[in-house]
């Protein structure tokens, strides 16, 4: 997928619940692709009190915790 690709999801009142579910499934599959995951990890950073990291393994570990530990924040770099 080119870096300049844009995604547009249009929901109108004319879509049936089955059509909405189909769109949701397609969007979920798209967001689960390895390229989208890579872009996600490139665009966020983890703030741990006074320390900021962009390490994918540290971020992945922290996101897998439920609930997240205190004073840990995932923020978008943009």
PDB file of N, CA and C in Angstrom:
ATOM      1  N   UNK A   1       0.840  -1.163   0.000  1.00  0.00           N
ATOM      2  CA  UNK A   1       0.000   0.000   0.000  1.00  0.00           C
ATOM      3  C   UNK A   1       0.892   1.235   0.000  1.00  0.00           C
ATOM      4  N   UNK A   2       0.695   2.186  -0.907  1.00  0.00           N
ATOM      5  CA  UNK A   2       1.534   3.373  -0.960  1.00  0.00           C
ATOM      6  C   UNK A   2       1.328   4.258   0.260  1.00  0.00           C
ATOM      7  N   UNK A   3       2.373   4.991   0.605  1.00  0.00           N
ATOM      8  CA  UNK A   3       2.307   5.856   1.783  1.00  0.00           C
ATOM      9  C   UNK A   3       1.280   6.963   1.629  1.00  0.00           C
ATOM     10  N   UNK A   4       0.932   7.321   0.400  1.00  0.00           N
ATOM     11  CA  UNK A   4      -0.012   8.411   0.185  1.00  0.00           C
ATOM     12  C   UNK A   4      -1.463   7.948   0.156  1.00  0.00           C
ATOM     13  N   UNK A   5      -1.708   6.662   0.425  1.00  0.00           N
ATOM     14  CA  UNK A   5      -3.081   6.144   0.372  1.00  0.00           C
ATOM     15  C   UNK A   5      -3.930   6.770   1.470  1.00  0.00           C
ATOM     16  N   UNK A   6      -5.156   7.091   1.117  1.00  0.00           N
ATOM     17  CA  UNK A   6      -6.110   7.625   2.077  1.00  0.00           C
ATOM     18  C   UNK A   6      -7.231   6.617   2.245  1.00  0.00           C
ATOM     19  N   UNK A   7      -7.777   6.561   3.435  1.00  0.00           N
ATOM     20  CA  UNK A   7      -8.877   5.655   3.723  1.00  0.00           C
ATOM     21  C   UNK A   7     -10.096   6.479   4.088  1.00  0.00           C
ATOM     22  N   UNK A   8     -11.207   6.145   3.462  1.00  0.00           N
ATOM     23  CA  UNK A   8     -12.451   6.843   3.726  1.00  0.00           C
ATOM     24  C   UNK A   8     -13.515   5.800   4.014  1.00  0.00           C
ATOM     25  N   UNK A   9     -14.156   5.934   5.142  1.00  0.00           N
ATOM     26  CA  UNK A   9     -15.262   5.061   5.497  1.00  0.00           C
ATOM     27  C   UNK A   9     -16.509   5.925   5.571  1.00  0.00           C
ATOM     28  N   UNK A  10     -17.465   5.629   4.717  1.00  0.00           N
ATOM     29  CA  UNK A  10     -18.696   6.414   4.663  1.00  0.00           C
ATOM     30  C   UNK A  10     -19.830   5.570   5.224  1.00  0.00           C
ATOM     31  N   UNK A  11     -20.444   6.056   6.280  1.00  0.00           N
ATOM     32  CA  UNK A  11     -21.608   5.390   6.854  1.00  0.00           C
ATOM     33  C   UNK A  11     -22.813   6.288   6.642  1.00  0.00           C
ATOM     34  N   UNK A  12     -23.797   5.752   6.001  1.00  0.00           N
ATOM     35  CA  UNK A  12     -25.011   6.516   5.742  1.00  0.00           C
ATOM     36  C   UNK A  12     -26.187   5.818   6.406  1.00  0.00           C
ATOM     37  N   UNK A  13     -27.272   6.519   6.608  1.00  0.00           N
ATOM     38  CA  UNK A  13     -28.445   5.871   7.215  1.00  0.00           C
ATOM     39  C   UNK A  13     -29.082   4.833   6.294  1.00  0.00           C
ATOM     40  N   UNK A  14     -28.622   4.763   5.050  1.00  0.00           N
ATOM     41  CA  UNK A  14     -29.191   3.825   4.090  1.00  0.00           C
ATOM     42  C   UNK A  14     -28.547   2.446   4.149  1.00  0.00           C
ATOM     43  N   UNK A  15     -27.457   2.314   4.905  1.00  0.00           N
ATOM     44  CA  UNK A  15     -26.805   1.007   5.020  1.00  0.00           C
ATOM     45  C   UNK A  15     -27.581   0.136   6.006  1.00  0.00           C
ATOM     46  N   UNK A  16     -27.720  -1.103   5.653  1.00  0.00           N
ATOM     47  CA  UNK A  16     -28.396  -2.034   6.549  1.00  0.00           C
ATOM     48  C   UNK A  16     -27.411  -2.471   7.632  1.00  0.00           C
ATOM     49  N   UNK A  17     -27.918  -3.002   8.735  1.00  0.00           N
ATOM     50  CA  UNK A  17     -26.995  -3.508   9.766  1.00  0.00           C
ATOM     51  C   UNK A  17     -26.021  -4.554   9.223  1.00  0.00           C
ATOM     52  N   UNK A  18     -26.473  -5.378   8.283  1.00  0.00           N
ATOM     53  CA  UNK A  18     -25.574  -6.377   7.692  1.00  0.00           C
ATOM     54  C   UNK A  18     -24.464  -5.703   6.881  1.00  0.00           C
ATOM     55  N   UNK A  19     -24.805  -4.632   6.152  1.00  0.00           N
ATOM     56  CA  UNK A  19     -23.794  -3.896   5.389  1.00  0.00           C
ATOM     57  C   UNK A  19     -22.798  -3.214   6.311  1.00  0.00           C
ATOM     58  N   UNK A  20     -23.292  -2.644   7.413  1.00  0.00           N
ATOM     59  CA  UNK A  20     -22.396  -2.006   8.387  1.00  0.00           C
ATOM     60  C   UNK A  20     -21.432  -3.030   8.987  1.00  0.00           C
ATOM     61  N   UNK A  21     -21.944  -4.215   9.299  1.00  0.00           N
ATOM     62  CA  UNK A  21     -21.085  -5.256   9.858  1.00  0.00           C
ATOM     63  C   UNK A  21     -20.033  -5.692   8.842  1.00  0.00           C
ATOM     64  N   UNK A  22     -20.421  -5.792   7.575  1.00  0.00           N
ATOM     65  CA  UNK A  22     -19.480  -6.160   6.524  1.00  0.00           C
ATOM     66  C   UNK A  22     -18.374  -5.109   6.403  1.00  0.00           C
ATOM     67  N   UNK A  23     -18.725  -3.819   6.462  1.00  0.00           N
ATOM     68  CA  UNK A  23     -17.737  -2.740   6.407  1.00  0.00           C
ATOM     69  C   UNK A  23     -16.808  -2.786   7.615  1.00  0.00           C
ATOM     70  N   UNK A  24     -17.373  -3.086   8.790  1.00  0.00           N
ATOM     71  CA  UNK A  24     -16.564  -3.178  10.002  1.00  0.00           C
ATOM     72  C   UNK A  24     -15.543  -4.306   9.888  1.00  0.00           C
ATOM     73  N   UNK A  25     -15.965  -5.442   9.357  1.00  0.00           N
ATOM     74  CA  UNK A  25     -15.058  -6.583   9.188  1.00  0.00           C
ATOM     75  C   UNK A  25     -13.941  -6.244   8.206  1.00  0.00           C
ATOM     76  N   UNK A  26     -14.285  -5.597   7.097  1.00  0.00           N
ATOM     77  CA  UNK A  26     -13.262  -5.209   6.115  1.00  0.00           C
ATOM     78  C   UNK A  26     -12.259  -4.231   6.729  1.00  0.00           C
ATOM     79  N   UNK A  27     -12.756  -3.272   7.484  1.00  0.00           N
ATOM     80  CA  UNK A  27     -11.872  -2.297   8.120  1.00  0.00           C
ATOM     81  C   UNK A  27     -10.975  -2.970   9.161  1.00  0.00           C
ATOM     82  N   UNK A  28     -11.527  -3.889   9.932  1.00  0.00           N
ATOM     83  CA  UNK A  28     -10.729  -4.607  10.933  1.00  0.00           C
ATOM     84  C   UNK A  28      -9.612  -5.403  10.279  1.00  0.00           C
ATOM     85  N   UNK A  29      -9.923  -6.056   9.164  1.00  0.00           N
ATOM     86  CA  UNK A  29      -8.888  -6.813   8.444  1.00  0.00           C
ATOM     87  C   UNK A  29      -7.797  -5.899   7.916  1.00  0.00           C
ATOM     88  N   UNK A  30      -8.204  -4.752   7.403  1.00  0.00           N
ATOM     89  CA  UNK A  30      -7.232  -3.797   6.883  1.00  0.00           C
ATOM     90  C   UNK A  30      -6.304  -3.310   7.988  1.00  0.00           C
ATOM     91  N   UNK A  31      -6.869  -2.958   9.137  1.00  0.00           N
ATOM     92  CA  UNK A  31      -6.053  -2.444  10.232  1.00  0.00           C
ATOM     93  C   UNK A  31      -5.174  -3.513  10.863  1.00  0.00           C
ATOM     94  N   UNK A  32      -5.501  -4.771  10.656  1.00  0.00           N
ATOM     95  CA  UNK A  32      -4.713  -5.862  11.228  1.00  0.00           C
ATOM     96  C   UNK A  32      -3.556  -6.302  10.340  1.00  0.00           C
ATOM     97  N   UNK A  33      -3.392  -5.689   9.187  1.00  0.00           N
ATOM     98  CA  UNK A  33      -2.296  -6.081   8.304  1.00  0.00           C
ATOM     99  C   UNK A  33      -0.956  -5.689   8.923  1.00  0.00           C
ATOM    100  N   UNK A  34       0.093  -6.423   8.628  1.00  0.00           N
ATOM    101  CA  UNK A  34       1.410  -6.107   9.199  1.00  0.00           C
ATOM    102  C   UNK A  34       1.877  -4.681   8.899  1.00  0.00           C
ATOM    103  N   UNK A  35       1.578  -4.194   7.701  1.00  0.00           N
ATOM    104  CA  UNK A  35       2.014  -2.840   7.359  1.00  0.00           C
ATOM    105  C   UNK A  35       1.329  -1.792   8.246  1.00  0.00           C
ATOM    106  N   UNK A  36       0.048  -1.978   8.517  1.00  0.00           N
ATOM    107  CA  UNK A  36      -0.661  -1.021   9.367  1.00  0.00           C
ATOM    108  C   UNK A  36      -0.154  -1.090  10.805  1.00  0.00           C
ATOM    109  N   UNK A  37       0.160  -2.309  11.274  1.00  0.00           N
ATOM    110  CA  UNK A  37       0.722  -2.436  12.618  1.00  0.00           C
ATOM    111  C   UNK A  37       2.059  -1.720  12.701  1.00  0.00           C
ATOM    112  N   UNK A  38       2.879  -1.858  11.665  1.00  0.00           N
ATOM    113  CA  UNK A  38       4.184  -1.194  11.646  1.00  0.00           C
ATOM    114  C   UNK A  38       4.010   0.321  11.686  1.00  0.00           C
ATOM    115  N   UNK A  39       3.079   0.829  10.904  1.00  0.00           N
ATOM    116  CA  UNK A  39       2.811   2.272  10.924  1.00  0.00           C
ATOM    117  C   UNK A  39       2.328   2.727  12.297  1.00  0.00           C
ATOM    118  N   UNK A  40       1.507   1.911  12.950  1.00  0.00           N
ATOM    119  CA  UNK A  40       1.023   2.245  14.292  1.00  0.00           C
ATOM    120  C   UNK A  40       2.199   2.405  15.250  1.00  0.00           C
ATOM    121  N   UNK A  41       3.091   1.415  15.265  1.00  0.00           N
ATOM    122  CA  UNK A  41       4.227   1.482  16.181  1.00  0.00           C
ATOM    123  C   UNK A  41       5.194   2.610  15.826  1.00  0.00           C
ATOM    124  N   UNK A  42       5.263   2.995  14.572  1.00  0.00           N
ATOM    125  CA  UNK A  42       6.122   4.110  14.185  1.00  0.00           C
ATOM    126  C   UNK A  42       5.530   5.449  14.601  1.00  0.00           C
ATOM    127  N   UNK A  43       4.221   5.501  14.771  1.00  0.00           N
ATOM    128  CA  UNK A  43       3.573   6.787  15.025  1.00  0.00           C
ATOM    129  C   UNK A  43       3.295   7.066  16.497  1.00  0.00           C
ATOM    130  N   UNK A  44       3.608   6.128  17.384  1.00  0.00           N
ATOM    131  CA  UNK A  44       3.343   6.375  18.804  1.00  0.00           C
ATOM    132  C   UNK A  44       4.621   6.253  19.611  1.00  0.00           C
ATOM    133  N   UNK A  45       4.537   6.756  20.830  1.00  0.00           N
ATOM    134  CA  UNK A  45       5.622   6.589  21.784  1.00  0.00           C
ATOM    135  C   UNK A  45       5.019   6.390  23.161  1.00  0.00           C
ATOM    136  N   UNK A  46       5.772   5.770  24.049  1.00  0.00           N
ATOM    137  CA  UNK A  46       5.313   5.474  25.394  1.00  0.00           C
ATOM    138  C   UNK A  46       5.997   6.432  26.365  1.00  0.00           C
ATOM    139  N   UNK A  47       5.192   7.120  27.149  1.00  0.00           N
ATOM    140  CA  UNK A  47       5.723   8.037  28.158  1.00  0.00           C
ATOM    141  C   UNK A  47       5.570   7.356  29.512  1.00  0.00           C
ATOM    142  N   UNK A  48       6.681   7.200  30.193  1.00  0.00           N
ATOM    143  CA  UNK A  48       6.710   6.561  31.502  1.00  0.00           C
ATOM    144  C   UNK A  48       7.299   7.565  32.483  1.00  0.00           C
ATOM    145  N   UNK A  49       6.449   8.319  33.110  1.00  0.00           N
ATOM    146  CA  UNK A  49       6.835   9.416  34.003  1.00  0.00           C
ATOM    147  C   UNK A  49       7.779  10.374  33.294  1.00  0.00           C
ATOM    148  N   UNK A  50       9.077  10.254  33.511  1.00  0.00           N
ATOM    149  CA  UNK A  50      10.033  11.188  32.917  1.00  0.00           C
ATOM    150  C   UNK A  50      10.804  10.582  31.749  1.00  0.00           C
ATOM    151  N   UNK A  51      10.412   9.417  31.311  1.00  0.00           N
ATOM    152  CA  UNK A  51      11.131   8.726  30.245  1.00  0.00           C
ATOM    153  C   UNK A  51      10.197   8.490  29.063  1.00  0.00           C
ATOM    154  N   UNK A  52      10.694   8.754  27.859  1.00  0.00           N
ATOM    155  CA  UNK A  52       9.921   8.526  26.641  1.00  0.00           C
ATOM    156  C   UNK A  52      10.654   7.491  25.806  1.00  0.00           C
ATOM    157  N   UNK A  53       9.927   6.480  25.326  1.00  0.00           N
ATOM    158  CA  UNK A  53      10.543   5.449  24.501  1.00  0.00           C
ATOM    159  C   UNK A  53       9.726   5.225  23.226  1.00  0.00           C
ATOM    160  N   UNK A  54      10.425   4.835  22.179  1.00  0.00           N
ATOM    161  CA  UNK A  54       9.763   4.451  20.937  1.00  0.00           C
ATOM    162  C   UNK A  54      10.062   2.985  20.618  1.00  0.00           C
ATOM    163  N   UNK A  55      10.602   2.267  21.585  1.00  0.00           N
ATOM    164  CA  UNK A  55      10.937   0.857  21.406  1.00  0.00           C
ATOM    165  C   UNK A  55       9.667   0.035  21.209  1.00  0.00           C
ATOM    166  N   UNK A  56       9.595  -0.638  20.068  1.00  0.00           N
ATOM    167  CA  UNK A  56       8.398  -1.411  19.737  1.00  0.00           C
ATOM    168  C   UNK A  56       8.111  -2.480  20.784  1.00  0.00           C
ATOM    169  N   UNK A  57       9.132  -3.179  21.248  1.00  0.00           N
ATOM    170  CA  UNK A  57       8.907  -4.265  22.214  1.00  0.00           C
ATOM    171  C   UNK A  57       8.384  -3.738  23.548  1.00  0.00           C
ATOM    172  N   UNK A  58       8.885  -2.597  23.983  1.00  0.00           N
ATOM    173  CA  UNK A  58       8.424  -2.011  25.242  1.00  0.00           C
ATOM    174  C   UNK A  58       6.982  -1.536  25.103  1.00  0.00           C
ATOM    175  N   UNK A  59       6.668  -0.907  23.985  1.00  0.00           N
ATOM    176  CA  UNK A  59       5.302  -0.429  23.755  1.00  0.00           C
ATOM    177  C   UNK A  59       4.345  -1.607  23.662  1.00  0.00           C
ATOM    178  N   UNK A  60       4.742  -2.636  22.922  1.00  0.00           N
ATOM    179  CA  UNK A  60       3.892  -3.818  22.761  1.00  0.00           C
ATOM    180  C   UNK A  60       3.636  -4.485  24.113  1.00  0.00           C
ATOM    181  N   UNK A  61       4.659  -4.589  24.934  1.00  0.00           N
ATOM    182  CA  UNK A  61       4.515  -5.176  26.264  1.00  0.00           C
ATOM    183  C   UNK A  61       3.549  -4.360  27.122  1.00  0.00           C
ATOM    184  N   UNK A  62       3.686  -3.056  27.079  1.00  0.00           N
ATOM    185  CA  UNK A  62       2.825  -2.197  27.894  1.00  0.00           C
ATOM    186  C   UNK A  62       1.375  -2.239  27.418  1.00  0.00           C
ATOM    187  N   UNK A  63       1.157  -2.286  26.105  1.00  0.00           N
ATOM    188  CA  UNK A  63      -0.211  -2.350  25.580  1.00  0.00           C
ATOM    189  C   UNK A  63      -0.888  -3.675  25.892  1.00  0.00           C
ATOM    190  N   UNK A  64      -0.103  -4.720  26.122  1.00  0.00           N
ATOM    191  CA  UNK A  64      -0.700  -6.020  26.427  1.00  0.00           C
ATOM    192  C   UNK A  64      -1.168  -6.116  27.880  1.00  0.00           C
ATOM    193  N   UNK A  65      -0.747  -5.204  28.725  1.00  0.00           N
ATOM    194  CA  UNK A  65      -1.152  -5.221  30.136  1.00  0.00           C
ATOM    195  C   UNK A  65      -2.568  -4.657  30.279  1.00  0.00           C
ATOM    196  N   UNK A  66      -3.359  -5.310  31.090  1.00  0.00           N
ATOM    197  CA  UNK A  66      -4.704  -4.824  31.384  1.00  0.00           C
ATOM    198  C   UNK A  66      -4.898  -4.815  32.873  1.00  0.00           C
ATOM    199  N   UNK A  67      -5.148  -3.724  33.508  1.00  0.00           N
ATOM    200  CA  UNK A  67      -5.034  -2.364  32.965  1.00  0.00           C
ATOM    201  C   UNK A  67      -3.575  -1.941  32.882  1.00  0.00           C
ATOM    202  N   UNK A  68      -3.347  -0.862  32.156  1.00  0.00           N
ATOM    203  CA  UNK A  68      -1.970  -0.339  32.059  1.00  0.00           C
ATOM    204  C   UNK A  68      -1.518   0.132  33.437  1.00  0.00           C
ATOM    205  N   UNK A  69      -0.229   0.078  33.640  1.00  0.00           N
ATOM    206  CA  UNK A  69       0.317   0.532  34.921  1.00  0.00           C
ATOM    207  C   UNK A  69       0.154   2.045  35.050  1.00  0.00           C
ATOM    208  N   UNK A  70       0.206   2.522  36.261  1.00  0.00           N
ATOM    209  CA  UNK A  70       0.045   3.949  36.535  1.00  0.00           C
ATOM    210  C   UNK A  70       1.159   4.766  35.900  1.00  0.00           C
ATOM    211  N   UNK A  71       0.833   5.961  35.482  1.00  0.00           N
ATOM    212  CA  UNK A  71       1.772   6.937  34.933  1.00  0.00           C
ATOM    213  C   UNK A  71       2.459   6.456  33.658  1.00  0.00           C
ATOM    214  N   UNK A  72       1.769   5.644  32.871  1.00  0.00           N
ATOM    215  CA  UNK A  72       2.265   5.215  31.563  1.00  0.00           C
ATOM    216  C   UNK A  72       1.241   5.667  30.537  1.00  0.00           C
ATOM    217  N   UNK A  73       1.695   6.373  29.544  1.00  0.00           N
ATOM    218  CA  UNK A  73       0.790   6.958  28.555  1.00  0.00           C
ATOM    219  C   UNK A  73       1.311   6.659  27.151  1.00  0.00           C
ATOM    220  N   UNK A  74       0.423   6.217  26.273  1.00  0.00           N
ATOM    221  CA  UNK A  74       0.764   6.007  24.879  1.00  0.00           C
ATOM    222  C   UNK A  74       0.245   7.229  24.133  1.00  0.00           C
ATOM    223  N   UNK A  75       1.150   7.926  23.481  1.00  0.00           N
ATOM    224  CA  UNK A  75       0.752   9.148  22.783  1.00  0.00           C
ATOM    225  C   UNK A  75       1.191   9.094  21.316  1.00  0.00           C
ATOM    226  N   UNK A  76       0.471   9.834  20.506  1.00  0.00           N
ATOM    227  CA  UNK A  76       0.789   9.923  19.086  1.00  0.00           C
ATOM    228  C   UNK A  76       1.890  10.976  18.900  1.00  0.00           C
ATOM    229  N   UNK A  77       2.882  10.668  18.091  1.00  0.00           N
ATOM    230  CA  UNK A  77       3.987  11.603  17.864  1.00  0.00           C
ATOM    231  C   UNK A  77       3.576  12.820  17.059  1.00  0.00           C
ATOM    232  N   UNK A  78       2.493  12.684  16.299  1.00  0.00           N
ATOM    233  CA  UNK A  78       2.095  13.796  15.420  1.00  0.00           C
ATOM    234  C   UNK A  78       1.486  14.876  16.221  1.00  0.00           C
TER     235      UNK A  78
END
